[in-house]
Amino acid sequence: MAINSKFQYNDSIEKQHSQQPIATGTSVLGLVFDKGVVIAADQLVSYGSLARFRNVQRVNCVNDRTILGCGGDYADYQYIAKLIEQKVIDESSYEDGQQIGPKALHNWVTRVQYNKRSKFDPLWCSWVIGGIEDDGKPYLGLADRLGTAYCSPHIATGFGNYLAVPLMRQEYEAKSGQFTEAEAIELLNKCLHTLYYRDARSLNKYQLAIVTADRGSRIEGPFNFVGEWEFAKTVRGYE
């Protein structure tokens, strides 16, 4: 008896890769201060242009000396976050007192991003990774979906690369890079305010990941701020 081809498995269908991100988070900001690193991200994950999920954590403590934040496709972030969590578990099983440092994790994430990109199946996200190195110095680096990576004392992804980095660079040069933790948090708060006004995919609710040599890593927040929109009355020329 002939088998109905309608119910046969068709192995000729080619595998399809993700063509674009679906549920995405916007900018992640990172800043080095005198004793450590702080990374900030709002808690919005948008479904296309819909502000769908408003209570999502996009910063994370990897261990006592390493933190990270991620912008872009949230599913890809979850995928890599699980791999990192397993790496931390594997590392702890050696019981040698060693932990994954920020530079090592930054290099590993960069290789993963580049490997996926080379297979034309990129992870649609960018990473900001910071922490304290073995010599006690702060470290902050970025890895994007193409596998491009660099280090800087002030880093931002997404719209923050255009709107927040100039603000951070101006303050950094004015203070010769000498920030206290409170000053760094205040500057990031200012940048998040600016992004809230200018980036339609941002939210006025955010969290901070902070790491220092003496206190380890921690997540603070969520924090909220109220936007001031009175300036809109002075805008002319768009009637």
Protein backbone atom coordinates (compact mmCIF):
# COMPACT_ATOMS: atom_id res chain seq x y z
CA MET A 1 0.00 0.00 0.00
CA ALA A 2 1.37 3.38 -0.96
CA ILE A 3 2.15 5.77 1.88
CA ASN A 4 0.49 9.15 1.67
CA SER A 5 3.33 11.57 0.88
CA LYS A 6 1.48 14.25 2.83
CA PHE A 7 2.64 12.63 6.08
CA GLN A 8 6.20 11.80 5.02
CA TYR A 9 9.14 13.68 6.46
CA ASN A 10 10.68 15.98 3.89
CA ASP A 11 14.43 16.13 4.49
CA SER A 12 14.94 18.42 1.50
CA ILE A 13 13.82 21.46 3.50
CA GLU A 14 16.90 23.52 4.21
CA LYS A 15 17.76 24.71 7.67
CA GLN A 16 16.93 28.36 8.14
CA HIS A 17 18.89 30.74 10.36
CA SER A 18 17.51 33.67 12.29
CA GLN A 19 17.13 36.61 9.94
CA GLN A 20 16.47 39.24 12.58
CA PRO A 21 16.04 39.55 16.34
CA ILE A 22 12.52 39.30 17.75
CA ALA A 23 12.42 40.25 21.45
CA THR A 24 15.15 42.80 22.04
CA GLY A 25 16.64 44.99 24.74
CA THR A 26 18.24 48.31 23.94
CA SER A 27 21.40 50.06 25.18
CA VAL A 28 23.77 48.74 27.85
CA LEU A 29 26.20 51.20 29.45
CA GLY A 30 29.48 50.47 31.20
CA LEU A 31 31.87 52.76 33.08
CA VAL A 32 35.12 52.25 34.98
CA PHE A 33 35.59 54.08 38.29
CA ASP A 34 38.51 54.22 40.72
CA LYS A 35 37.78 50.94 42.51
CA GLY A 36 35.75 48.95 40.02
CA VAL A 37 33.20 48.83 37.21
CA VAL A 38 29.48 49.59 36.93
CA ILE A 39 27.20 48.36 34.13
CA ALA A 40 23.65 49.69 33.65
CA ALA A 41 20.70 48.55 31.53
CA ASP A 42 16.99 49.27 31.59
CA GLN A 43 14.44 46.50 32.15
CA LEU A 44 12.50 46.70 28.90
CA VAL A 45 12.45 43.95 26.29
CA SER A 46 10.52 45.01 23.20
CA TYR A 47 8.61 42.64 20.92
CA GLY A 48 9.30 44.38 17.65
CA SER A 49 8.12 47.93 18.31
CA LEU A 50 5.84 46.87 21.18
CA ALA A 51 7.13 47.63 24.69
CA ARG A 52 6.10 44.14 25.80
CA PHE A 53 8.18 42.99 28.80
CA ARG A 54 8.91 45.68 31.39
CA ASN A 55 10.57 43.79 34.23
CA VAL A 56 13.47 41.92 32.62
CA GLN A 57 16.98 41.76 34.08
CA ARG A 58 19.67 42.35 31.46
CA VAL A 59 22.67 42.68 33.79
CA ASN A 60 24.16 39.75 35.64
CA CYS A 61 26.83 38.80 38.18
CA VAL A 62 28.93 35.95 36.79
CA ASN A 63 30.96 35.54 39.99
CA ASP A 64 32.54 37.71 42.70
CA ARG A 65 34.83 39.49 40.24
CA THR A 66 32.97 39.52 36.90
CA ILE A 67 29.74 41.18 35.73
CA LEU A 68 28.07 41.56 32.35
CA GLY A 69 25.20 43.20 30.52
CA CYS A 70 23.60 42.36 27.18
CA GLY A 71 21.67 44.29 24.56
CA GLY A 72 19.90 42.84 21.53
CA ASP A 73 18.01 39.57 21.18
CA TYR A 74 17.00 38.35 24.62
CA ALA A 75 16.75 34.68 23.61
CA ASP A 76 20.37 34.74 22.44
CA TYR A 77 21.33 36.36 25.75
CA GLN A 78 19.60 33.54 27.64
CA TYR A 79 21.40 30.94 25.51
CA ILE A 80 24.88 32.34 26.22
CA ALA A 81 24.01 33.06 29.87
CA LYS A 82 23.28 29.35 30.39
CA LEU A 83 26.61 28.42 28.80
CA ILE A 84 28.41 30.88 31.07
CA GLU A 85 26.57 29.51 34.10
CA GLN A 86 27.74 26.01 33.22
CA LYS A 87 31.32 27.27 32.77
CA VAL A 88 31.17 28.76 36.27
CA ILE A 89 29.94 25.43 37.66
CA ASP A 90 32.69 23.51 35.83
CA GLU A 91 35.30 25.96 37.12
CA SER A 92 34.12 25.64 40.72
CA SER A 93 34.31 21.83 40.51
CA TYR A 94 38.11 22.06 40.46
CA GLU A 95 38.01 23.60 43.96
CA ASP A 96 41.23 25.52 43.34
CA GLY A 97 39.85 28.91 44.36
CA GLN A 98 40.11 30.30 40.82
CA GLN A 99 37.28 32.17 39.11
CA ILE A 100 36.66 33.24 35.53
CA GLY A 101 38.03 36.74 35.16
CA PRO A 102 36.48 39.50 33.03
CA LYS A 103 39.24 39.43 30.40
CA ALA A 104 38.99 35.66 29.98
CA LEU A 105 35.19 35.81 29.70
CA HIS A 106 35.38 38.72 27.27
CA ASN A 107 37.74 36.75 25.02
CA TRP A 108 35.53 33.65 25.19
CA VAL A 109 32.33 35.55 24.34
CA THR A 110 34.13 37.26 21.44
CA ARG A 111 35.15 33.89 19.99
CA VAL A 112 31.60 32.53 20.34
CA GLN A 113 30.14 35.61 18.62
CA TYR A 114 32.68 35.44 15.79
CA ASN A 115 32.19 31.69 15.34
CA LYS A 116 28.42 32.06 15.00
CA ARG A 117 28.83 35.01 12.64
CA SER A 118 31.22 32.99 10.46
CA LYS A 119 28.53 30.31 10.09
CA PHE A 120 26.06 32.99 8.92
CA ASP A 121 23.98 32.29 12.01
CA PRO A 122 24.93 35.21 14.29
CA LEU A 123 23.82 35.77 17.85
CA TRP A 124 21.93 39.05 17.58
CA CYS A 125 23.29 40.65 20.72
CA SER A 126 26.13 42.78 22.06
CA TRP A 127 27.90 42.23 25.36
CA VAL A 128 29.44 44.57 27.90
CA ILE A 129 31.72 42.62 30.27
CA GLY A 130 33.55 44.11 33.22
CA GLY A 131 35.24 43.16 36.44
CA ILE A 132 38.43 43.08 38.47
CA GLU A 133 41.53 41.40 37.04
CA ASP A 134 44.12 39.40 39.01
CA ASP A 135 46.26 42.51 39.46
CA GLY A 136 43.32 44.37 41.04
CA LYS A 137 42.74 46.68 38.07
CA PRO A 138 39.25 47.26 36.61
CA TYR A 139 38.52 45.79 33.18
CA LEU A 140 35.73 46.72 30.76
CA GLY A 141 35.20 45.34 27.26
CA LEU A 142 32.59 44.98 24.51
CA ALA A 143 31.83 42.18 22.05
CA ASP A 144 29.20 42.69 19.32
CA ARG A 145 27.30 40.29 17.06
CA LEU A 146 30.06 40.34 14.44
CA GLY A 147 32.70 39.28 16.93
CA THR A 148 34.25 42.74 17.01
CA ALA A 149 35.76 43.44 20.43
CA TYR A 150 37.54 46.26 22.20
CA CYS A 151 38.24 47.61 25.67
CA SER A 152 37.50 51.12 26.92
CA PRO A 153 36.88 52.89 30.25
CA HIS A 154 33.43 53.89 28.93
CA ILE A 155 31.32 51.64 26.69
CA ALA A 156 27.76 51.59 25.36
CA THR A 157 25.78 49.47 22.91
CA GLY A 158 22.90 50.39 20.62
CA PHE A 159 21.74 54.01 20.64
CA GLY A 160 23.92 54.54 23.68
CA ASN A 161 26.93 54.37 21.38
CA TYR A 162 25.74 57.63 19.80
CA LEU A 163 24.00 59.37 22.70
CA ALA A 164 25.66 58.17 25.91
CA VAL A 165 29.31 57.69 24.93
CA PRO A 166 29.84 61.41 24.12
CA LEU A 167 28.49 62.32 27.56
CA MET A 168 30.65 59.75 29.30
CA ARG A 169 33.73 60.73 27.30
CA GLN A 170 33.24 64.41 28.15
CA GLU A 171 32.96 63.71 31.88
CA TYR A 172 35.80 61.19 31.78
CA GLU A 173 38.19 63.68 30.18
CA ALA A 174 37.07 66.49 32.51
CA LYS A 175 37.86 64.34 35.56
CA SER A 176 40.95 62.71 34.02
CA GLY A 177 39.30 59.34 34.56
CA GLN A 178 39.09 59.78 38.34
CA PHE A 179 35.55 58.71 39.20
CA THR A 180 34.22 57.56 42.53
CA GLU A 181 31.51 54.92 42.57
CA ALA A 182 28.84 57.51 43.39
CA GLU A 183 29.99 59.79 40.55
CA ALA A 184 29.98 56.91 38.07
CA ILE A 185 26.44 55.91 39.05
CA GLU A 186 25.28 59.53 38.80
CA LEU A 187 26.76 59.84 35.29
CA LEU A 188 25.12 56.62 34.12
CA ASN A 189 21.81 57.83 35.54
CA LYS A 190 22.20 61.01 33.46
CA CYS A 191 22.93 58.94 30.35
CA LEU A 192 19.89 56.72 30.95
CA HIS A 193 17.76 59.86 31.26
CA THR A 194 19.02 61.02 27.87
CA LEU A 195 18.32 57.65 26.29
CA TYR A 196 14.82 57.62 27.75
CA TYR A 197 14.08 60.91 25.97
CA ARG A 198 15.69 59.95 22.66
CA ASP A 199 15.39 56.16 22.29
CA ALA A 200 11.85 54.88 21.79
CA ARG A 201 12.90 51.37 22.93
CA SER A 202 14.15 52.45 26.36
CA LEU A 203 12.41 52.56 29.74
CA ASN A 204 12.69 54.68 32.88
CA LYS A 205 13.32 51.60 35.03
CA TYR A 206 16.83 50.19 35.25
CA GLN A 207 19.31 48.06 37.20
CA LEU A 208 23.01 48.35 37.98
CA ALA A 209 25.67 45.64 38.18
CA ILE A 210 28.61 46.83 40.29
CA VAL A 211 31.90 45.09 41.05
CA THR A 212 34.75 46.19 43.32
CA ALA A 213 37.75 44.35 44.72
CA ASP A 214 36.68 44.78 48.34
CA ARG A 215 32.92 44.18 48.06
CA GLY A 216 32.71 41.74 45.16
CA SER A 217 29.86 41.92 42.63
CA ARG A 218 26.25 42.85 43.23
CA ILE A 219 23.03 43.88 41.47
CA GLU A 220 21.28 47.04 42.63
CA GLY A 221 17.79 48.20 41.72
CA PRO A 222 15.49 48.38 40.01
CA PHE A 223 15.51 52.17 40.11
CA ASN A 224 12.98 54.51 38.56
CA PHE A 225 13.13 58.09 37.39
CA VAL A 226 10.43 60.44 36.16
CA GLY A 227 10.89 62.08 32.78
CA GLU A 228 10.43 65.82 32.37
CA TRP A 229 8.60 66.61 29.14
CA GLU A 230 7.86 70.32 29.53
CA PHE A 231 10.57 71.09 27.00
CA ALA A 232 8.30 69.61 24.30
CA LYS A 233 6.21 72.80 24.41
CA THR A 234 9.18 74.78 23.12
CA VAL A 235 9.72 72.58 20.04
CA ARG A 236 8.76 74.43 16.88
CA GLY A 237 8.70 73.65 13.17
CA TYR A 238 6.93 70.26 13.22
CA GLU A 239 3.30 71.42 13.29
